[in-house]
């Protein structure tokens, strides 16, 4: 994954579609039966693609046989919606940039798929 710093990092936060990392690139698969499936390719095999329609649930995959595909088109729009920083103050954006630039953070447990709710 390309690491961004300074202006490039700020641009990615403010304009997520300015450059889309291949790992998070969405594709639309136009199938011979008329269906369209859109998502990120998580695995490619010689005869099929494994596609995640929602990157928040990366284990929920659709397997698409390559023989069933009429056309595959890369999206020019990031799956990260634009405008997420619009609700932040200037100081909050500076704090976010400092945090992201540091780079040694870990995802919280619940975002790593290991969070369990207690039945209290």
PDB file of N, CA and C in Angstrom:
ATOM      1  N   UNK A   1       0.853  -1.168   0.000  1.00  0.00           N
ATOM      2  CA  UNK A   1       0.000   0.000   0.000  1.00  0.00           C
ATOM      3  C   UNK A   1       0.900   1.233   0.000  1.00  0.00           C
ATOM      4  N   UNK A   2       0.601   2.155  -0.871  1.00  0.00           N
ATOM      5  CA  UNK A   2       1.365   3.389  -0.959  1.00  0.00           C
ATOM      6  C   UNK A   2       1.130   4.222   0.290  1.00  0.00           C
ATOM      7  N   UNK A   3       2.207   4.744   0.838  1.00  0.00           N
ATOM      8  CA  UNK A   3       2.091   5.600   2.005  1.00  0.00           C
ATOM      9  C   UNK A   3       2.030   7.048   1.554  1.00  0.00           C
ATOM     10  N   UNK A   4       1.096   7.793   2.104  1.00  0.00           N
ATOM     11  CA  UNK A   4       0.928   9.191   1.773  1.00  0.00           C
ATOM     12  C   UNK A   4       1.393  10.042   2.942  1.00  0.00           C
ATOM     13  N   UNK A   5       1.959  11.197   2.621  1.00  0.00           N
ATOM     14  CA  UNK A   5       2.384  12.153   3.634  1.00  0.00           C
ATOM     15  C   UNK A   5       1.993  13.549   3.170  1.00  0.00           C
ATOM     16  N   UNK A   6       1.874  14.473   4.107  1.00  0.00           N
ATOM     17  CA  UNK A   6       1.667  15.878   3.801  1.00  0.00           C
ATOM     18  C   UNK A   6       0.483  16.141   2.885  1.00  0.00           C
ATOM     19  N   UNK A   7       0.748  16.902   1.839  1.00  0.00           N
ATOM     20  CA  UNK A   7      -0.288  17.324   0.895  1.00  0.00           C
ATOM     21  C   UNK A   7      -0.995  16.125   0.269  1.00  0.00           C
ATOM     22  N   UNK A   8      -0.227  15.078  -0.094  1.00  0.00           N
ATOM     23  CA  UNK A   8      -0.822  13.897  -0.734  1.00  0.00           C
ATOM     24  C   UNK A   8      -1.797  13.187   0.202  1.00  0.00           C
ATOM     25  N   UNK A   9      -1.453  13.119   1.477  1.00  0.00           N
ATOM     26  CA  UNK A   9      -2.340  12.491   2.459  1.00  0.00           C
ATOM     27  C   UNK A   9      -3.615  13.321   2.626  1.00  0.00           C
ATOM     28  N   UNK A  10      -3.454  14.627   2.738  1.00  0.00           N
ATOM     29  CA  UNK A  10      -4.621  15.500   2.878  1.00  0.00           C
ATOM     30  C   UNK A  10      -5.522  15.369   1.655  1.00  0.00           C
ATOM     31  N   UNK A  11      -4.938  15.314   0.474  1.00  0.00           N
ATOM     32  CA  UNK A  11      -5.740  15.172  -0.746  1.00  0.00           C
ATOM     33  C   UNK A  11      -6.530  13.862  -0.718  1.00  0.00           C
ATOM     34  N   UNK A  12      -5.930  12.777  -0.260  1.00  0.00           N
ATOM     35  CA  UNK A  12      -6.635  11.491  -0.192  1.00  0.00           C
ATOM     36  C   UNK A  12      -7.814  11.556   0.772  1.00  0.00           C
ATOM     37  N   UNK A  13      -7.652  12.285   1.879  1.00  0.00           N
ATOM     38  CA  UNK A  13      -8.743  12.428   2.846  1.00  0.00           C
ATOM     39  C   UNK A  13      -9.868  13.282   2.261  1.00  0.00           C
ATOM     40  N   UNK A  14      -9.488  14.385   1.619  1.00  0.00           N
ATOM     41  CA  UNK A  14     -10.488  15.315   1.093  1.00  0.00           C
ATOM     42  C   UNK A  14     -11.086  14.865  -0.234  1.00  0.00           C
ATOM     43  N   UNK A  15     -10.279  14.194  -1.070  1.00  0.00           N
ATOM     44  CA  UNK A  15     -10.710  13.752  -2.404  1.00  0.00           C
ATOM     45  C   UNK A  15     -10.351  12.272  -2.580  1.00  0.00           C
ATOM     46  N   UNK A  16     -11.093  11.370  -1.950  1.00  0.00           N
ATOM     47  CA  UNK A  16     -10.710   9.953  -1.964  1.00  0.00           C
ATOM     48  C   UNK A  16     -10.631   9.337  -3.362  1.00  0.00           C
ATOM     49  N   UNK A  17     -11.291   9.923  -4.339  1.00  0.00           N
ATOM     50  CA  UNK A  17     -11.254   9.363  -5.694  1.00  0.00           C
ATOM     51  C   UNK A  17     -10.089   9.901  -6.524  1.00  0.00           C
ATOM     52  N   UNK A  18      -9.265  10.774  -5.934  1.00  0.00           N
ATOM     53  CA  UNK A  18      -8.158  11.344  -6.698  1.00  0.00           C
ATOM     54  C   UNK A  18      -7.147  10.266  -7.097  1.00  0.00           C
ATOM     55  N   UNK A  19      -6.984   9.269  -6.261  1.00  0.00           N
ATOM     56  CA  UNK A  19      -6.128   8.119  -6.569  1.00  0.00           C
ATOM     57  C   UNK A  19      -6.645   6.949  -5.744  1.00  0.00           C
ATOM     58  N   UNK A  20      -6.986   5.868  -6.402  1.00  0.00           N
ATOM     59  CA  UNK A  20      -7.567   4.725  -5.700  1.00  0.00           C
ATOM     60  C   UNK A  20      -6.541   3.596  -5.675  1.00  0.00           C
ATOM     61  N   UNK A  21      -6.193   3.157  -4.485  1.00  0.00           N
ATOM     62  CA  UNK A  21      -5.271   2.042  -4.337  1.00  0.00           C
ATOM     63  C   UNK A  21      -5.901   0.789  -4.941  1.00  0.00           C
ATOM     64  N   UNK A  22      -5.106   0.036  -5.674  1.00  0.00           N
ATOM     65  CA  UNK A  22      -5.618  -1.159  -6.366  1.00  0.00           C
ATOM     66  C   UNK A  22      -6.314  -2.126  -5.408  1.00  0.00           C
ATOM     67  N   UNK A  23      -5.828  -2.199  -4.178  1.00  0.00           N
ATOM     68  CA  UNK A  23      -6.417  -3.112  -3.191  1.00  0.00           C
ATOM     69  C   UNK A  23      -7.874  -2.751  -2.881  1.00  0.00           C
ATOM     70  N   UNK A  24      -8.214  -1.465  -3.023  1.00  0.00           N
ATOM     71  CA  UNK A  24      -9.556  -0.998  -2.699  1.00  0.00           C
ATOM     72  C   UNK A  24     -10.352  -0.593  -3.935  1.00  0.00           C
ATOM     73  N   UNK A  25      -9.829  -0.901  -5.111  1.00  0.00           N
ATOM     74  CA  UNK A  25     -10.478  -0.548  -6.376  1.00  0.00           C
ATOM     75  C   UNK A  25     -11.752  -1.369  -6.551  1.00  0.00           C
ATOM     76  N   UNK A  26     -12.854  -0.705  -6.825  1.00  0.00           N
ATOM     77  CA  UNK A  26     -14.100  -1.402  -7.131  1.00  0.00           C
ATOM     78  C   UNK A  26     -14.198  -1.648  -8.627  1.00  0.00           C
ATOM     79  N   UNK A  27     -14.807  -2.749  -8.964  1.00  0.00           N
ATOM     80  CA  UNK A  27     -15.053  -3.108 -10.363  1.00  0.00           C
ATOM     81  C   UNK A  27     -16.524  -3.455 -10.514  1.00  0.00           C
ATOM     82  N   UNK A  28     -17.051  -3.168 -11.692  1.00  0.00           N
ATOM     83  CA  UNK A  28     -18.389  -3.637 -12.051  1.00  0.00           C
ATOM     84  C   UNK A  28     -18.203  -4.785 -13.031  1.00  0.00           C
ATOM     85  N   UNK A  29     -18.808  -5.909 -12.705  1.00  0.00           N
ATOM     86  CA  UNK A  29     -18.757  -7.096 -13.563  1.00  0.00           C
ATOM     87  C   UNK A  29     -20.111  -7.233 -14.242  1.00  0.00           C
ATOM     88  N   UNK A  30     -20.119  -7.108 -15.551  1.00  0.00           N
ATOM     89  CA  UNK A  30     -21.338  -7.267 -16.337  1.00  0.00           C
ATOM     90  C   UNK A  30     -21.366  -8.721 -16.802  1.00  0.00           C
ATOM     91  N   UNK A  31     -22.362  -9.455 -16.317  1.00  0.00           N
ATOM     92  CA  UNK A  31     -22.423 -10.895 -16.559  1.00  0.00           C
ATOM     93  C   UNK A  31     -23.309 -11.233 -17.744  1.00  0.00           C
ATOM     94  N   UNK A  32     -23.057 -12.389 -18.313  1.00  0.00           N
ATOM     95  CA  UNK A  32     -23.798 -12.854 -19.489  1.00  0.00           C
ATOM     96  C   UNK A  32     -25.291 -12.986 -19.210  1.00  0.00           C
ATOM     97  N   UNK A  33     -25.669 -13.238 -17.944  1.00  0.00           N
ATOM     98  CA  UNK A  33     -27.093 -13.403 -17.621  1.00  0.00           C
ATOM     99  C   UNK A  33     -27.792 -12.072 -17.338  1.00  0.00           C
ATOM    100  N   UNK A  34     -27.082 -10.934 -17.529  1.00  0.00           N
ATOM    101  CA  UNK A  34     -27.687  -9.621 -17.349  1.00  0.00           C
ATOM    102  C   UNK A  34     -27.435  -8.992 -15.989  1.00  0.00           C
ATOM    103  N   UNK A  35     -26.937  -9.746 -15.040  1.00  0.00           N
ATOM    104  CA  UNK A  35     -26.648  -9.193 -13.714  1.00  0.00           C
ATOM    105  C   UNK A  35     -25.400  -8.321 -13.761  1.00  0.00           C
ATOM    106  N   UNK A  36     -25.333  -7.389 -12.823  1.00  0.00           N
ATOM    107  CA  UNK A  36     -24.135  -6.576 -12.624  1.00  0.00           C
ATOM    108  C   UNK A  36     -23.743  -6.719 -11.159  1.00  0.00           C
ATOM    109  N   UNK A  37     -22.511  -7.115 -10.921  1.00  0.00           N
ATOM    110  CA  UNK A  37     -21.993  -7.261  -9.566  1.00  0.00           C
ATOM    111  C   UNK A  37     -20.842  -6.279  -9.418  1.00  0.00           C
ATOM    112  N   UNK A  38     -20.899  -5.481  -8.345  1.00  0.00           N
ATOM    113  CA  UNK A  38     -19.870  -4.474  -8.116  1.00  0.00           C
ATOM    114  C   UNK A  38     -19.193  -4.732  -6.785  1.00  0.00           C
ATOM    115  N   UNK A  39     -17.871  -4.626  -6.765  1.00  0.00           N
ATOM    116  CA  UNK A  39     -17.122  -4.791  -5.529  1.00  0.00           C
ATOM    117  C   UNK A  39     -15.636  -4.829  -5.776  1.00  0.00           C
ATOM    118  N   UNK A  40     -14.884  -5.012  -4.700  1.00  0.00           N
ATOM    119  CA  UNK A  40     -13.431  -5.092  -4.766  1.00  0.00           C
ATOM    120  C   UNK A  40     -13.010  -6.554  -4.909  1.00  0.00           C
ATOM    121  N   UNK A  41     -12.027  -6.793  -5.752  1.00  0.00           N
ATOM    122  CA  UNK A  41     -11.505  -8.150  -5.936  1.00  0.00           C
ATOM    123  C   UNK A  41     -10.604  -8.468  -4.751  1.00  0.00           C
ATOM    124  N   UNK A  42     -10.960  -9.513  -4.010  1.00  0.00           N
ATOM    125  CA  UNK A  42     -10.135  -9.917  -2.870  1.00  0.00           C
ATOM    126  C   UNK A  42      -9.211 -11.072  -3.218  1.00  0.00           C
ATOM    127  N   UNK A  43      -9.573 -11.803  -4.269  1.00  0.00           N
ATOM    128  CA  UNK A  43      -8.753 -12.931  -4.700  1.00  0.00           C
ATOM    129  C   UNK A  43      -9.061 -13.213  -6.161  1.00  0.00           C
ATOM    130  N   UNK A  44      -7.995 -13.490  -6.921  1.00  0.00           N
ATOM    131  CA  UNK A  44      -8.188 -13.885  -8.308  1.00  0.00           C
ATOM    132  C   UNK A  44      -7.610 -15.274  -8.502  1.00  0.00           C
ATOM    133  N   UNK A  45      -8.417 -16.142  -9.083  1.00  0.00           N
ATOM    134  CA  UNK A  45      -7.994 -17.491  -9.426  1.00  0.00           C
ATOM    135  C   UNK A  45      -7.961 -17.582 -10.952  1.00  0.00           C
ATOM    136  N   UNK A  46      -7.390 -18.610 -11.510  1.00  0.00           N
ATOM    137  CA  UNK A  46      -7.343 -18.733 -12.969  1.00  0.00           C
ATOM    138  C   UNK A  46      -8.715 -18.679 -13.633  1.00  0.00           C
ATOM    139  N   UNK A  47      -9.749 -19.154 -12.927  1.00  0.00           N
ATOM    140  CA  UNK A  47     -11.072 -19.213 -13.556  1.00  0.00           C
ATOM    141  C   UNK A  47     -12.154 -18.401 -12.840  1.00  0.00           C
ATOM    142  N   UNK A  48     -11.771 -17.637 -11.787  1.00  0.00           N
ATOM    143  CA  UNK A  48     -12.799 -16.905 -11.032  1.00  0.00           C
ATOM    144  C   UNK A  48     -12.207 -15.737 -10.258  1.00  0.00           C
ATOM    145  N   UNK A  49     -13.094 -14.783  -9.957  1.00  0.00           N
ATOM    146  CA  UNK A  49     -12.773 -13.669  -9.057  1.00  0.00           C
ATOM    147  C   UNK A  49     -13.595 -13.839  -7.794  1.00  0.00           C
ATOM    148  N   UNK A  50     -13.009 -13.517  -6.657  1.00  0.00           N
ATOM    149  CA  UNK A  50     -13.728 -13.429  -5.387  1.00  0.00           C
ATOM    150  C   UNK A  50     -13.910 -11.944  -5.137  1.00  0.00           C
ATOM    151  N   UNK A  51     -15.160 -11.503  -4.991  1.00  0.00           N
ATOM    152  CA  UNK A  51     -15.478 -10.086  -4.934  1.00  0.00           C
ATOM    153  C   UNK A  51     -16.213  -9.764  -3.627  1.00  0.00           C
ATOM    154  N   UNK A  52     -15.729  -8.705  -2.948  1.00  0.00           N
ATOM    155  CA  UNK A  52     -16.392  -8.203  -1.738  1.00  0.00           C
ATOM    156  C   UNK A  52     -17.182  -6.960  -2.122  1.00  0.00           C
ATOM    157  N   UNK A  53     -18.495  -7.045  -2.019  1.00  0.00           N
ATOM    158  CA  UNK A  53     -19.345  -5.904  -2.353  1.00  0.00           C
ATOM    159  C   UNK A  53     -19.229  -4.811  -1.300  1.00  0.00           C
ATOM    160  N   UNK A  54     -18.873  -5.174  -0.077  1.00  0.00           N
ATOM    161  CA  UNK A  54     -18.766  -4.218   1.016  1.00  0.00           C
ATOM    162  C   UNK A  54     -17.459  -4.497   1.754  1.00  0.00           C
ATOM    163  N   UNK A  55     -16.516  -3.550   1.739  1.00  0.00           N
ATOM    164  CA  UNK A  55     -15.224  -3.763   2.386  1.00  0.00           C
ATOM    165  C   UNK A  55     -15.319  -3.813   3.905  1.00  0.00           C
ATOM    166  N   UNK A  56     -16.467  -3.434   4.471  1.00  0.00           N
ATOM    167  CA  UNK A  56     -16.660  -3.563   5.910  1.00  0.00           C
ATOM    168  C   UNK A  56     -16.998  -4.999   6.301  1.00  0.00           C
ATOM    169  N   UNK A  57     -17.414  -5.801   5.325  1.00  0.00           N
ATOM    170  CA  UNK A  57     -17.681  -7.226   5.555  1.00  0.00           C
ATOM    171  C   UNK A  57     -16.889  -8.037   4.515  1.00  0.00           C
ATOM    172  N   UNK A  58     -15.553  -8.021   4.638  1.00  0.00           N
ATOM    173  CA  UNK A  58     -14.706  -8.618   3.606  1.00  0.00           C
ATOM    174  C   UNK A  58     -14.813 -10.135   3.470  1.00  0.00           C
ATOM    175  N   UNK A  59     -15.432 -10.801   4.432  1.00  0.00           N
ATOM    176  CA  UNK A  59     -15.590 -12.248   4.325  1.00  0.00           C
ATOM    177  C   UNK A  59     -16.873 -12.645   3.598  1.00  0.00           C
ATOM    178  N   UNK A  60     -17.732 -11.681   3.324  1.00  0.00           N
ATOM    179  CA  UNK A  60     -18.969 -11.926   2.588  1.00  0.00           C
ATOM    180  C   UNK A  60     -18.660 -11.739   1.101  1.00  0.00           C
ATOM    181  N   UNK A  61     -18.268 -12.825   0.452  1.00  0.00           N
ATOM    182  CA  UNK A  61     -17.763 -12.764  -0.917  1.00  0.00           C
ATOM    183  C   UNK A  61     -18.717 -13.378  -1.923  1.00  0.00           C
ATOM    184  N   UNK A  62     -18.627 -12.868  -3.140  1.00  0.00           N
ATOM    185  CA  UNK A  62     -19.316 -13.454  -4.280  1.00  0.00           C
ATOM    186  C   UNK A  62     -18.238 -13.987  -5.218  1.00  0.00           C
ATOM    187  N   UNK A  63     -18.355 -15.229  -5.599  1.00  0.00           N
ATOM    188  CA  UNK A  63     -17.393 -15.818  -6.534  1.00  0.00           C
ATOM    189  C   UNK A  63     -17.993 -15.719  -7.931  1.00  0.00           C
ATOM    190  N   UNK A  64     -17.234 -15.111  -8.838  1.00  0.00           N
ATOM    191  CA  UNK A  64     -17.706 -14.901 -10.203  1.00  0.00           C
ATOM    192  C   UNK A  64     -16.803 -15.668 -11.165  1.00  0.00           C
ATOM    193  N   UNK A  65     -17.386 -16.595 -11.882  1.00  0.00           N
ATOM    194  CA  UNK A  65     -16.626 -17.356 -12.882  1.00  0.00           C
ATOM    195  C   UNK A  65     -16.249 -16.425 -14.028  1.00  0.00           C
ATOM    196  N   UNK A  66     -15.003 -16.467 -14.437  1.00  0.00           N
ATOM    197  CA  UNK A  66     -14.537 -15.591 -15.516  1.00  0.00           C
ATOM    198  C   UNK A  66     -15.290 -15.851 -16.816  1.00  0.00           C
ATOM    199  N   UNK A  67     -15.721 -17.082 -17.038  1.00  0.00           N
ATOM    200  CA  UNK A  67     -16.472 -17.414 -18.255  1.00  0.00           C
ATOM    201  C   UNK A  67     -17.841 -16.731 -18.289  1.00  0.00           C
ATOM    202  N   UNK A  68     -18.362 -16.311 -17.117  1.00  0.00           N
ATOM    203  CA  UNK A  68     -19.678 -15.668 -17.040  1.00  0.00           C
ATOM    204  C   UNK A  68     -19.618 -14.154 -17.252  1.00  0.00           C
ATOM    205  N   UNK A  69     -18.395 -13.600 -17.367  1.00  0.00           N
ATOM    206  CA  UNK A  69     -18.226 -12.149 -17.443  1.00  0.00           C
ATOM    207  C   UNK A  69     -18.192 -11.683 -18.897  1.00  0.00           C
ATOM    208  N   UNK A  70     -19.113 -10.752 -19.217  1.00  0.00           N
ATOM    209  CA  UNK A  70     -19.075 -10.103 -20.530  1.00  0.00           C
ATOM    210  C   UNK A  70     -18.092  -8.940 -20.519  1.00  0.00           C
ATOM    211  N   UNK A  71     -18.065  -8.211 -19.388  1.00  0.00           N
ATOM    212  CA  UNK A  71     -17.192  -7.044 -19.304  1.00  0.00           C
ATOM    213  C   UNK A  71     -16.861  -6.759 -17.845  1.00  0.00           C
ATOM    214  N   UNK A  72     -15.634  -6.290 -17.603  1.00  0.00           N
ATOM    215  CA  UNK A  72     -15.194  -5.861 -16.271  1.00  0.00           C
ATOM    216  C   UNK A  72     -14.714  -4.425 -16.399  1.00  0.00           C
ATOM    217  N   UNK A  73     -15.302  -3.517 -15.590  1.00  0.00           N
ATOM    218  CA  UNK A  73     -14.991  -2.094 -15.687  1.00  0.00           C
ATOM    219  C   UNK A  73     -14.553  -1.586 -14.315  1.00  0.00           C
ATOM    220  N   UNK A  74     -13.369  -0.947 -14.270  1.00  0.00           N
ATOM    221  CA  UNK A  74     -12.871  -0.362 -13.025  1.00  0.00           C
ATOM    222  C   UNK A  74     -13.616   0.935 -12.738  1.00  0.00           C
ATOM    223  N   UNK A  75     -14.008   1.117 -11.484  1.00  0.00           N
ATOM    224  CA  UNK A  75     -14.687   2.337 -11.067  1.00  0.00           C
ATOM    225  C   UNK A  75     -13.680   3.469 -10.928  1.00  0.00           C
ATOM    226  N   UNK A  76     -14.078   4.661 -11.305  1.00  0.00           N
ATOM    227  CA  UNK A  76     -13.232   5.838 -11.117  1.00  0.00           C
ATOM    228  C   UNK A  76     -13.595   6.551  -9.824  1.00  0.00           C
ATOM    229  N   UNK A  77     -14.515   5.956  -9.059  1.00  0.00           N
ATOM    230  CA  UNK A  77     -14.981   6.562  -7.816  1.00  0.00           C
ATOM    231  C   UNK A  77     -14.583   5.665  -6.645  1.00  0.00           C
ATOM    232  N   UNK A  78     -13.972   6.255  -5.653  1.00  0.00           N
ATOM    233  CA  UNK A  78     -13.558   5.517  -4.460  1.00  0.00           C
ATOM    234  C   UNK A  78     -14.768   5.039  -3.675  1.00  0.00           C
ATOM    235  N   UNK A  79     -14.602   3.917  -2.985  1.00  0.00           N
ATOM    236  CA  UNK A  79     -15.675   3.443  -2.112  1.00  0.00           C
ATOM    237  C   UNK A  79     -15.766   4.300  -0.844  1.00  0.00           C
ATOM    238  N   UNK A  80     -14.713   5.097  -0.572  1.00  0.00           N
ATOM    239  CA  UNK A  80     -14.780   6.038   0.543  1.00  0.00           C
ATOM    240  C   UNK A  80     -15.539   7.274   0.059  1.00  0.00           C
ATOM    241  N   UNK A  81     -16.639   7.599   0.694  1.00  0.00           N
ATOM    242  CA  UNK A  81     -17.430   8.736   0.210  1.00  0.00           C
ATOM    243  C   UNK A  81     -16.697  10.064   0.397  1.00  0.00           C
ATOM    244  N   UNK A  82     -16.895  10.992  -0.539  1.00  0.00           N
ATOM    245  CA  UNK A  82     -16.292  12.315  -0.365  1.00  0.00           C
ATOM    246  C   UNK A  82     -17.028  13.084   0.718  1.00  0.00           C
ATOM    247  N   UNK A  83     -16.382  14.086   1.263  1.00  0.00           N
ATOM    248  CA  UNK A  83     -17.033  14.957   2.229  1.00  0.00           C
ATOM    249  C   UNK A  83     -16.969  14.494   3.665  1.00  0.00           C
ATOM    250  N   UNK A  84     -16.235  13.422   3.954  1.00  0.00           N
ATOM    251  CA  UNK A  84     -16.177  12.948   5.341  1.00  0.00           C
ATOM    252  C   UNK A  84     -15.535  13.979   6.270  1.00  0.00           C
ATOM    253  N   UNK A  85     -14.613  14.785   5.720  1.00  0.00           N
ATOM    254  CA  UNK A  85     -13.937  15.788   6.544  1.00  0.00           C
ATOM    255  C   UNK A  85     -14.747  17.069   6.687  1.00  0.00           C
ATOM    256  N   UNK A  86     -15.861  17.188   5.984  1.00  0.00           N
ATOM    257  CA  UNK A  86     -16.651  18.422   6.012  1.00  0.00           C
ATOM    258  C   UNK A  86     -17.202  18.757   7.394  1.00  0.00           C
ATOM    259  N   UNK A  87     -17.360  17.766   8.240  1.00  0.00           N
ATOM    260  CA  UNK A  87     -17.926  18.008   9.572  1.00  0.00           C
ATOM    261  C   UNK A  87     -16.843  18.269  10.615  1.00  0.00           C
ATOM    262  N   UNK A  88     -15.580  18.266  10.190  1.00  0.00           N
ATOM    263  CA  UNK A  88     -14.477  18.469  11.115  1.00  0.00           C
ATOM    264  C   UNK A  88     -14.023  19.926  11.108  1.00  0.00           C
ATOM    265  N   UNK A  89     -13.571  20.389  12.262  1.00  0.00           N
ATOM    266  CA  UNK A  89     -12.983  21.725  12.351  1.00  0.00           C
ATOM    267  C   UNK A  89     -11.562  21.669  11.779  1.00  0.00           C
ATOM    268  N   UNK A  90     -10.985  22.831  11.567  1.00  0.00           N
ATOM    269  CA  UNK A  90      -9.603  22.890  11.072  1.00  0.00           C
ATOM    270  C   UNK A  90      -8.676  22.148  12.030  1.00  0.00           C
ATOM    271  N   UNK A  91      -8.853  22.351  13.330  1.00  0.00           N
ATOM    272  CA  UNK A  91      -7.987  21.679  14.305  1.00  0.00           C
ATOM    273  C   UNK A  91      -8.185  20.158  14.269  1.00  0.00           C
ATOM    274  N   UNK A  92      -9.421  19.713  14.123  1.00  0.00           N
ATOM    275  CA  UNK A  92      -9.679  18.267  14.048  1.00  0.00           C
ATOM    276  C   UNK A  92      -9.026  17.658  12.801  1.00  0.00           C
ATOM    277  N   UNK A  93      -9.044  18.393  11.689  1.00  0.00           N
ATOM    278  CA  UNK A  93      -8.380  17.901  10.476  1.00  0.00           C
ATOM    279  C   UNK A  93      -6.870  17.834  10.696  1.00  0.00           C
ATOM    280  N   UNK A  94      -6.303  18.844  11.339  1.00  0.00           N
ATOM    281  CA  UNK A  94      -4.864  18.821  11.632  1.00  0.00           C
ATOM    282  C   UNK A  94      -4.521  17.650  12.559  1.00  0.00           C
ATOM    283  N   UNK A  95      -5.379  17.409  13.554  1.00  0.00           N
ATOM    284  CA  UNK A  95      -5.160  16.273  14.460  1.00  0.00           C
ATOM    285  C   UNK A  95      -5.250  14.947  13.706  1.00  0.00           C
ATOM    286  N   UNK A  96      -6.236  14.831  12.807  1.00  0.00           N
ATOM    287  CA  UNK A  96      -6.382  13.617  12.006  1.00  0.00           C
ATOM    288  C   UNK A  96      -5.150  13.397  11.131  1.00  0.00           C
ATOM    289  N   UNK A  97      -4.671  14.456  10.506  1.00  0.00           N
ATOM    290  CA  UNK A  97      -3.489  14.349   9.647  1.00  0.00           C
ATOM    291  C   UNK A  97      -2.269  13.909  10.454  1.00  0.00           C
ATOM    292  N   UNK A  98      -2.108  14.473  11.652  1.00  0.00           N
ATOM    293  CA  UNK A  98      -0.984  14.091  12.510  1.00  0.00           C
ATOM    294  C   UNK A  98      -1.079  12.624  12.898  1.00  0.00           C
ATOM    295  N   UNK A  99      -2.281  12.194  13.240  1.00  0.00           N
ATOM    296  CA  UNK A  99      -2.505  10.794  13.624  1.00  0.00           C
ATOM    297  C   UNK A  99      -2.201   9.855  12.462  1.00  0.00           C
ATOM    298  N   UNK A 100      -2.732  10.158  11.275  1.00  0.00           N
ATOM    299  CA  UNK A 100      -2.509   9.301  10.116  1.00  0.00           C
ATOM    300  C   UNK A 100      -1.050   9.309   9.678  1.00  0.00           C
ATOM    301  N   UNK A 101      -0.391  10.447   9.783  1.00  0.00           N
ATOM    302  CA  UNK A 101       1.010  10.564   9.384  1.00  0.00           C
ATOM    303  C   UNK A 101       1.918   9.741  10.281  1.00  0.00           C
ATOM    304  N   UNK A 102       1.525   9.606  11.547  1.00  0.00           N
ATOM    305  CA  UNK A 102       2.339   8.837  12.495  1.00  0.00           C
ATOM    306  C   UNK A 102       2.446   7.387  12.033  1.00  0.00           C
ATOM    307  N   UNK A 103       1.331   6.808  11.592  1.00  0.00           N
ATOM    308  CA  UNK A 103       1.346   5.515  10.923  1.00  0.00           C
ATOM    309  C   UNK A 103       1.502   4.266  11.760  1.00  0.00           C
ATOM    310  N   UNK A 104       1.664   4.360  13.059  1.00  0.00           N
ATOM    311  CA  UNK A 104       1.876   3.143  13.853  1.00  0.00           C
ATOM    312  C   UNK A 104       0.632   2.755  14.663  1.00  0.00           C
ATOM    313  N   UNK A 105      -0.529   3.117  14.154  1.00  0.00           N
ATOM    314  CA  UNK A 105      -1.773   2.822  14.845  1.00  0.00           C
ATOM    315  C   UNK A 105      -2.273   1.420  14.467  1.00  0.00           C
ATOM    316  N   UNK A 106      -3.123   0.875  15.322  1.00  0.00           N
ATOM    317  CA  UNK A 106      -3.755  -0.413  15.056  1.00  0.00           C
ATOM    318  C   UNK A 106      -5.264  -0.220  15.064  1.00  0.00           C
ATOM    319  N   UNK A 107      -5.947  -1.025  14.280  1.00  0.00           N
ATOM    320  CA  UNK A 107      -7.404  -0.975  14.284  1.00  0.00           C
ATOM    321  C   UNK A 107      -7.936  -1.430  15.633  1.00  0.00           C
ATOM    322  N   UNK A 108      -9.017  -0.829  16.095  1.00  0.00           N
ATOM    323  CA  UNK A 108      -9.642  -1.313  17.330  1.00  0.00           C
ATOM    324  C   UNK A 108     -10.105  -2.755  17.156  1.00  0.00           C
ATOM    325  N   UNK A 109     -10.214  -3.447  18.249  1.00  0.00           N
ATOM    326  CA  UNK A 109     -10.613  -4.862  18.224  1.00  0.00           C
ATOM    327  C   UNK A 109     -11.869  -5.099  17.399  1.00  0.00           C
ATOM    328  N   UNK A 110     -12.906  -4.257  17.590  1.00  0.00           N
ATOM    329  CA  UNK A 110     -14.175  -4.506  16.907  1.00  0.00           C
ATOM    330  C   UNK A 110     -14.059  -4.337  15.398  1.00  0.00           C
ATOM    331  N   UNK A 111     -13.079  -3.611  14.926  1.00  0.00           N
ATOM    332  CA  UNK A 111     -12.891  -3.488  13.482  1.00  0.00           C
ATOM    333  C   UNK A 111     -12.001  -4.588  12.920  1.00  0.00           C
ATOM    334  N   UNK A 112     -11.392  -5.351  13.781  1.00  0.00           N
ATOM    335  CA  UNK A 112     -10.587  -6.495  13.349  1.00  0.00           C
ATOM    336  C   UNK A 112     -11.411  -7.779  13.365  1.00  0.00           C
ATOM    337  N   UNK A 113     -12.696  -7.664  13.598  1.00  0.00           N
ATOM    338  CA  UNK A 113     -13.569  -8.836  13.568  1.00  0.00           C
ATOM    339  C   UNK A 113     -13.491  -9.694  14.804  1.00  0.00           C
ATOM    340  N   UNK A 114     -12.917  -9.184  15.887  1.00  0.00           N
ATOM    341  CA  UNK A 114     -12.749  -9.982  17.094  1.00  0.00           C
ATOM    342  C   UNK A 114     -13.604  -9.485  18.250  1.00  0.00           C
ATOM    343  N   UNK A 115     -14.456  -8.503  17.991  1.00  0.00           N
ATOM    344  CA  UNK A 115     -15.275  -7.909  19.046  1.00  0.00           C
ATOM    345  C   UNK A 115     -16.462  -8.816  19.362  1.00  0.00           C
ATOM    346  N   UNK A 116     -16.698  -9.014  20.637  1.00  0.00           N
ATOM    347  CA  UNK A 116     -17.841  -9.823  21.068  1.00  0.00           C
ATOM    348  C   UNK A 116     -18.661  -9.015  22.064  1.00  0.00           C
ATOM    349  N   UNK A 117     -19.965  -9.045  21.926  1.00  0.00           N
ATOM    350  CA  UNK A 117     -20.857  -8.354  22.853  1.00  0.00           C
ATOM    351  C   UNK A 117     -21.176  -9.268  24.020  1.00  0.00           C
ATOM    352  N   UNK A 118     -21.144  -8.694  25.207  1.00  0.00           N
ATOM    353  CA  UNK A 118     -21.542  -9.444  26.390  1.00  0.00           C
ATOM    354  C   UNK A 118     -23.039  -9.349  26.539  1.00  0.00           C
ATOM    355  N   UNK A 119     -23.654 -10.403  26.984  1.00  0.00           N
ATOM    356  CA  UNK A 119     -25.100 -10.431  27.209  1.00  0.00           C
ATOM    357  C   UNK A 119     -25.414 -10.097  28.660  1.00  0.00           C
ATOM    358  N   UNK A 120     -25.091  -8.874  29.066  1.00  0.00           N
ATOM    359  CA  UNK A 120     -25.358  -8.469  30.467  1.00  0.00           C
ATOM    360  C   UNK A 120     -26.729  -7.911  30.612  1.00  0.00           C
TER     361      UNK A 120
END
